């Protein structure tokens, strides 16, 4: 998940354009895995992250 964040503490996500570039650079299997993990109820601190994944994955 680190490539999606601007800092090593993973508290600040990259802007959507950078997030999107990282997501679509990943293999399709990894994208599918992330989409699956974010498809259900998601707890903090992952809600914003999964919102981006779901947007890119077509769930929103």
PDB file of N, CA and C in Angstrom:
ATOM      1  N   UNK A   1       0.797  -1.188   0.000  1.00  0.00           N
ATOM      2  CA  UNK A   1       0.000   0.000   0.000  1.00  0.00           C
ATOM      3  C   UNK A   1       0.853   1.271   0.000  1.00  0.00           C
ATOM      4  N   UNK A   2       2.104   1.152   0.351  1.00  0.00           N
ATOM      5  CA  UNK A   2       2.967   2.329   0.437  1.00  0.00           C
ATOM      6  C   UNK A   2       3.008   3.176  -0.833  1.00  0.00           C
ATOM      7  N   UNK A   3       3.010   2.581  -2.036  1.00  0.00           N
ATOM      8  CA  UNK A   3       3.089   3.429  -3.230  1.00  0.00           C
ATOM      9  C   UNK A   3       1.910   4.391  -3.388  1.00  0.00           C
ATOM     10  N   UNK A   4       0.844   4.176  -2.662  1.00  0.00           N
ATOM     11  CA  UNK A   4      -0.344   5.021  -2.762  1.00  0.00           C
ATOM     12  C   UNK A   4      -0.299   6.217  -1.809  1.00  0.00           C
ATOM     13  N   UNK A   5       0.740   6.286  -0.994  1.00  0.00           N
ATOM     14  CA  UNK A   5       0.828   7.333   0.022  1.00  0.00           C
ATOM     15  C   UNK A   5       2.062   8.198  -0.189  1.00  0.00           C
ATOM     16  N   UNK A   6       1.992   9.423   0.322  1.00  0.00           N
ATOM     17  CA  UNK A   6       3.101  10.357   0.162  1.00  0.00           C
ATOM     18  C   UNK A   6       4.149  10.216   1.247  1.00  0.00           C
ATOM     19  N   UNK A   7       3.813   9.511   2.330  1.00  0.00           N
ATOM     20  CA  UNK A   7       4.733   9.394   3.455  1.00  0.00           C
ATOM     21  C   UNK A   7       4.826   7.952   3.935  1.00  0.00           C
ATOM     22  N   UNK A   8       5.899   7.650   4.622  1.00  0.00           N
ATOM     23  CA  UNK A   8       6.118   6.278   5.080  1.00  0.00           C
ATOM     24  C   UNK A   8       5.140   5.858   6.173  1.00  0.00           C
ATOM     25  N   UNK A   9       4.529   6.822   6.864  1.00  0.00           N
ATOM     26  CA  UNK A   9       3.560   6.477   7.902  1.00  0.00           C
ATOM     27  C   UNK A   9       2.190   6.149   7.295  1.00  0.00           C
ATOM     28  N   UNK A  10       2.057   6.330   5.996  1.00  0.00           N
ATOM     29  CA  UNK A  10       0.848   6.037   5.233  1.00  0.00           C
ATOM     30  C   UNK A  10      -0.378   6.767   5.810  1.00  0.00           C
ATOM     31  N   UNK A  11      -0.189   8.046   6.094  1.00  0.00           N
ATOM     32  CA  UNK A  11      -1.287   8.866   6.595  1.00  0.00           C
ATOM     33  C   UNK A  11      -1.824   9.819   5.527  1.00  0.00           C
ATOM     34  N   UNK A  12      -1.007  10.121   4.523  1.00  0.00           N
ATOM     35  CA  UNK A  12      -1.420  11.063   3.486  1.00  0.00           C
ATOM     36  C   UNK A  12      -1.388  10.370   2.129  1.00  0.00           C
ATOM     37  N   UNK A  13      -2.580  10.243   1.526  1.00  0.00           N
ATOM     38  CA  UNK A  13      -2.644   9.598   0.216  1.00  0.00           C
ATOM     39  C   UNK A  13      -2.193  10.552  -0.871  1.00  0.00           C
ATOM     40  N   UNK A  14      -1.685   9.961  -1.939  1.00  0.00           N
ATOM     41  CA  UNK A  14      -1.314  10.740  -3.106  1.00  0.00           C
ATOM     42  C   UNK A  14      -2.586  11.290  -3.758  1.00  0.00           C
ATOM     43  N   UNK A  15      -2.455  12.374  -4.513  1.00  0.00           N
ATOM     44  CA  UNK A  15      -3.618  12.885  -5.247  1.00  0.00           C
ATOM     45  C   UNK A  15      -4.179  11.807  -6.179  1.00  0.00           C
ATOM     46  N   UNK A  16      -5.460  11.913  -6.522  1.00  0.00           N
ATOM     47  CA  UNK A  16      -6.137  10.872  -7.293  1.00  0.00           C
ATOM     48  C   UNK A  16      -5.414  10.535  -8.596  1.00  0.00           C
ATOM     49  N   UNK A  17      -4.880  11.506  -9.304  1.00  0.00           N
ATOM     50  CA  UNK A  17      -4.179  11.211 -10.559  1.00  0.00           C
ATOM     51  C   UNK A  17      -2.969  10.305 -10.322  1.00  0.00           C
ATOM     52  N   UNK A  18      -2.212  10.559  -9.263  1.00  0.00           N
ATOM     53  CA  UNK A  18      -1.059   9.713  -8.933  1.00  0.00           C
ATOM     54  C   UNK A  18      -1.530   8.355  -8.414  1.00  0.00           C
ATOM     55  N   UNK A  19      -2.569   8.370  -7.581  1.00  0.00           N
ATOM     56  CA  UNK A  19      -3.153   7.132  -7.059  1.00  0.00           C
ATOM     57  C   UNK A  19      -3.585   6.249  -8.229  1.00  0.00           C
ATOM     58  N   UNK A  20      -4.266   6.856  -9.187  1.00  0.00           N
ATOM     59  CA  UNK A  20      -4.749   6.148 -10.370  1.00  0.00           C
ATOM     60  C   UNK A  20      -3.592   5.551 -11.169  1.00  0.00           C
ATOM     61  N   UNK A  21      -2.527   6.306 -11.348  1.00  0.00           N
ATOM     62  CA  UNK A  21      -1.365   5.823 -12.090  1.00  0.00           C
ATOM     63  C   UNK A  21      -0.750   4.606 -11.411  1.00  0.00           C
ATOM     64  N   UNK A  22      -0.628   4.661 -10.089  1.00  0.00           N
ATOM     65  CA  UNK A  22      -0.068   3.526  -9.340  1.00  0.00           C
ATOM     66  C   UNK A  22      -0.991   2.316  -9.460  1.00  0.00           C
ATOM     67  N   UNK A  23      -2.290   2.547  -9.297  1.00  0.00           N
ATOM     68  CA  UNK A  23      -3.264   1.452  -9.348  1.00  0.00           C
ATOM     69  C   UNK A  23      -3.231   0.739 -10.703  1.00  0.00           C
ATOM     70  N   UNK A  24      -3.279   1.504 -11.781  1.00  0.00           N
ATOM     71  CA  UNK A  24      -3.335   0.888 -13.104  1.00  0.00           C
ATOM     72  C   UNK A  24      -1.988   0.355 -13.580  1.00  0.00           C
ATOM     73  N   UNK A  25      -0.902   0.681 -12.875  1.00  0.00           N
ATOM     74  CA  UNK A  25       0.407   0.111 -13.183  1.00  0.00           C
ATOM     75  C   UNK A  25       0.571  -1.273 -12.552  1.00  0.00           C
ATOM     76  N   UNK A  26      -0.324  -1.610 -11.630  1.00  0.00           N
ATOM     77  CA  UNK A  26      -0.256  -2.913 -10.955  1.00  0.00           C
ATOM     78  C   UNK A  26      -0.823  -4.002 -11.865  1.00  0.00           C
ATOM     79  N   UNK A  27      -0.369  -5.239 -11.677  1.00  0.00           N
ATOM     80  CA  UNK A  27      -0.953  -6.354 -12.438  1.00  0.00           C
ATOM     81  C   UNK A  27      -2.448  -6.487 -12.150  1.00  0.00           C
ATOM     82  N   UNK A  28      -3.196  -6.973 -13.113  1.00  0.00           N
ATOM     83  CA  UNK A  28      -4.651  -7.123 -12.990  1.00  0.00           C
ATOM     84  C   UNK A  28      -5.038  -7.960 -11.772  1.00  0.00           C
ATOM     85  N   UNK A  29      -4.239  -8.964 -11.428  1.00  0.00           N
ATOM     86  CA  UNK A  29      -4.543  -9.811 -10.272  1.00  0.00           C
ATOM     87  C   UNK A  29      -4.499  -9.000  -8.979  1.00  0.00           C
ATOM     88  N   UNK A  30      -3.506  -8.109  -8.864  1.00  0.00           N
ATOM     89  CA  UNK A  30      -3.380  -7.271  -7.666  1.00  0.00           C
ATOM     90  C   UNK A  30      -4.533  -6.275  -7.593  1.00  0.00           C
ATOM     91  N   UNK A  31      -4.908  -5.711  -8.751  1.00  0.00           N
ATOM     92  CA  UNK A  31      -6.042  -4.788  -8.787  1.00  0.00           C
ATOM     93  C   UNK A  31      -7.304  -5.510  -8.314  1.00  0.00           C
ATOM     94  N   UNK A  32      -7.526  -6.710  -8.823  1.00  0.00           N
ATOM     95  CA  UNK A  32      -8.710  -7.485  -8.451  1.00  0.00           C
ATOM     96  C   UNK A  32      -8.700  -7.805  -6.957  1.00  0.00           C
ATOM     97  N   UNK A  33      -7.545  -8.137  -6.424  1.00  0.00           N
ATOM     98  CA  UNK A  33      -7.423  -8.433  -4.997  1.00  0.00           C
ATOM     99  C   UNK A  33      -7.792  -7.207  -4.166  1.00  0.00           C
ATOM    100  N   UNK A  34      -7.281  -6.047  -4.553  1.00  0.00           N
ATOM    101  CA  UNK A  34      -7.584  -4.818  -3.817  1.00  0.00           C
ATOM    102  C   UNK A  34      -9.065  -4.485  -3.914  1.00  0.00           C
ATOM    103  N   UNK A  35      -9.637  -4.641  -5.097  1.00  0.00           N
ATOM    104  CA  UNK A  35     -11.066  -4.369  -5.278  1.00  0.00           C
ATOM    105  C   UNK A  35     -11.891  -5.286  -4.392  1.00  0.00           C
ATOM    106  N   UNK A  36     -11.506  -6.556  -4.316  1.00  0.00           N
ATOM    107  CA  UNK A  36     -12.221  -7.512  -3.480  1.00  0.00           C
ATOM    108  C   UNK A  36     -12.141  -7.170  -2.008  1.00  0.00           C
ATOM    109  N   UNK A  37     -10.962  -6.764  -1.564  1.00  0.00           N
ATOM    110  CA  UNK A  37     -10.774  -6.408  -0.157  1.00  0.00           C
ATOM    111  C   UNK A  37     -11.520  -5.132   0.209  1.00  0.00           C
ATOM    112  N   UNK A  38     -11.723  -4.259  -0.755  1.00  0.00           N
ATOM    113  CA  UNK A  38     -12.391  -2.985  -0.491  1.00  0.00           C
ATOM    114  C   UNK A  38     -13.893  -3.028  -0.797  1.00  0.00           C
ATOM    115  N   UNK A  39     -14.396  -4.142  -1.282  1.00  0.00           N
ATOM    116  CA  UNK A  39     -15.795  -4.221  -1.690  1.00  0.00           C
ATOM    117  C   UNK A  39     -16.766  -4.284  -0.512  1.00  0.00           C
ATOM    118  N   UNK A  40     -16.343  -4.798   0.615  1.00  0.00           N
ATOM    119  CA  UNK A  40     -17.241  -4.944   1.764  1.00  0.00           C
ATOM    120  C   UNK A  40     -17.154  -3.774   2.718  1.00  0.00           C
ATOM    121  N   UNK A  41     -17.576  -4.014   3.948  1.00  0.00           N
ATOM    122  CA  UNK A  41     -17.468  -2.995   4.981  1.00  0.00           C
ATOM    123  C   UNK A  41     -16.001  -2.777   5.301  1.00  0.00           C
ATOM    124  N   UNK A  42     -15.570  -1.548   5.260  1.00  0.00           N
ATOM    125  CA  UNK A  42     -14.170  -1.217   5.499  1.00  0.00           C
ATOM    126  C   UNK A  42     -14.072  -0.296   6.706  1.00  0.00           C
ATOM    127  N   UNK A  43     -13.150  -0.616   7.577  1.00  0.00           N
ATOM    128  CA  UNK A  43     -12.950   0.177   8.790  1.00  0.00           C
ATOM    129  C   UNK A  43     -11.839   1.207   8.575  1.00  0.00           C
ATOM    130  N   UNK A  44     -11.856   2.235   9.404  1.00  0.00           N
ATOM    131  CA  UNK A  44     -10.758   3.195   9.406  1.00  0.00           C
ATOM    132  C   UNK A  44      -9.473   2.446   9.711  1.00  0.00           C
ATOM    133  N   UNK A  45      -8.349   2.792   9.226  1.00  0.00           N
ATOM    134  CA  UNK A  45      -8.026   3.977   8.450  1.00  0.00           C
ATOM    135  C   UNK A  45      -8.133   3.756   6.936  1.00  0.00           C
ATOM    136  N   UNK A  46      -8.803   2.723   6.500  1.00  0.00           N
ATOM    137  CA  UNK A  46      -8.795   2.354   5.083  1.00  0.00           C
ATOM    138  C   UNK A  46      -9.981   2.872   4.279  1.00  0.00           C
ATOM    139  N   UNK A  47     -10.886   3.616   4.886  1.00  0.00           N
ATOM    140  CA  UNK A  47     -12.094   4.026   4.173  1.00  0.00           C
ATOM    141  C   UNK A  47     -11.781   4.924   2.982  1.00  0.00           C
ATOM    142  N   UNK A  48     -10.907   5.906   3.154  1.00  0.00           N
ATOM    143  CA  UNK A  48     -10.565   6.799   2.041  1.00  0.00           C
ATOM    144  C   UNK A  48      -9.808   6.056   0.952  1.00  0.00           C
ATOM    145  N   UNK A  49      -8.895   5.186   1.380  1.00  0.00           N
ATOM    146  CA  UNK A  49      -8.136   4.387   0.425  1.00  0.00           C
ATOM    147  C   UNK A  49      -9.087   3.525  -0.410  1.00  0.00           C
ATOM    148  N   UNK A  50      -9.988   2.836   0.257  1.00  0.00           N
ATOM    149  CA  UNK A  50     -10.917   1.955  -0.452  1.00  0.00           C
ATOM    150  C   UNK A  50     -11.920   2.748  -1.291  1.00  0.00           C
ATOM    151  N   UNK A  51     -12.255   3.942  -0.872  1.00  0.00           N
ATOM    152  CA  UNK A  51     -13.123   4.780  -1.699  1.00  0.00           C
ATOM    153  C   UNK A  51     -12.455   5.045  -3.041  1.00  0.00           C
ATOM    154  N   UNK A  52     -11.163   5.318  -3.033  1.00  0.00           N
ATOM    155  CA  UNK A  52     -10.429   5.528  -4.285  1.00  0.00           C
ATOM    156  C   UNK A  52     -10.371   4.246  -5.104  1.00  0.00           C
ATOM    157  N   UNK A  53     -10.072   3.131  -4.462  1.00  0.00           N
ATOM    158  CA  UNK A  53     -10.013   1.848  -5.167  1.00  0.00           C
ATOM    159  C   UNK A  53     -11.367   1.523  -5.783  1.00  0.00           C
ATOM    160  N   UNK A  54     -12.429   1.725  -5.016  1.00  0.00           N
ATOM    161  CA  UNK A  54     -13.770   1.440  -5.521  1.00  0.00           C
ATOM    162  C   UNK A  54     -14.144   2.350  -6.689  1.00  0.00           C
ATOM    163  N   UNK A  55     -13.740   3.593  -6.631  1.00  0.00           N
ATOM    164  CA  UNK A  55     -13.988   4.519  -7.741  1.00  0.00           C
ATOM    165  C   UNK A  55     -13.262   4.036  -8.993  1.00  0.00           C
ATOM    166  N   UNK A  56     -12.017   3.661  -8.843  1.00  0.00           N
ATOM    167  CA  UNK A  56     -11.227   3.207  -9.997  1.00  0.00           C
ATOM    168  C   UNK A  56     -11.708   1.835 -10.485  1.00  0.00           C
ATOM    169  N   UNK A  57     -12.230   1.032  -9.563  1.00  0.00           N
ATOM    170  CA  UNK A  57     -12.686  -0.298  -9.922  1.00  0.00           C
ATOM    171  C   UNK A  57     -14.111  -0.348 -10.420  1.00  0.00           C
ATOM    172  N   UNK A  58     -14.781   0.797 -10.475  1.00  0.00           N
ATOM    173  CA  UNK A  58     -16.126   0.857 -10.998  1.00  0.00           C
ATOM    174  C   UNK A  58     -17.214   0.506 -10.006  1.00  0.00           C
ATOM    175  N   UNK A  59     -16.911   0.528  -8.701  1.00  0.00           N
ATOM    176  CA  UNK A  59     -17.920   0.188  -7.696  1.00  0.00           C
ATOM    177  C   UNK A  59     -18.736   1.390  -7.270  1.00  0.00           C
ATOM    178  N   UNK A  60     -18.310   2.602  -7.620  1.00  0.00           N
ATOM    179  CA  UNK A  60     -19.068   3.815  -7.246  1.00  0.00           C
ATOM    180  C   UNK A  60     -19.656   4.448  -8.468  1.00  0.00           C
TER     181      UNK A  60
END
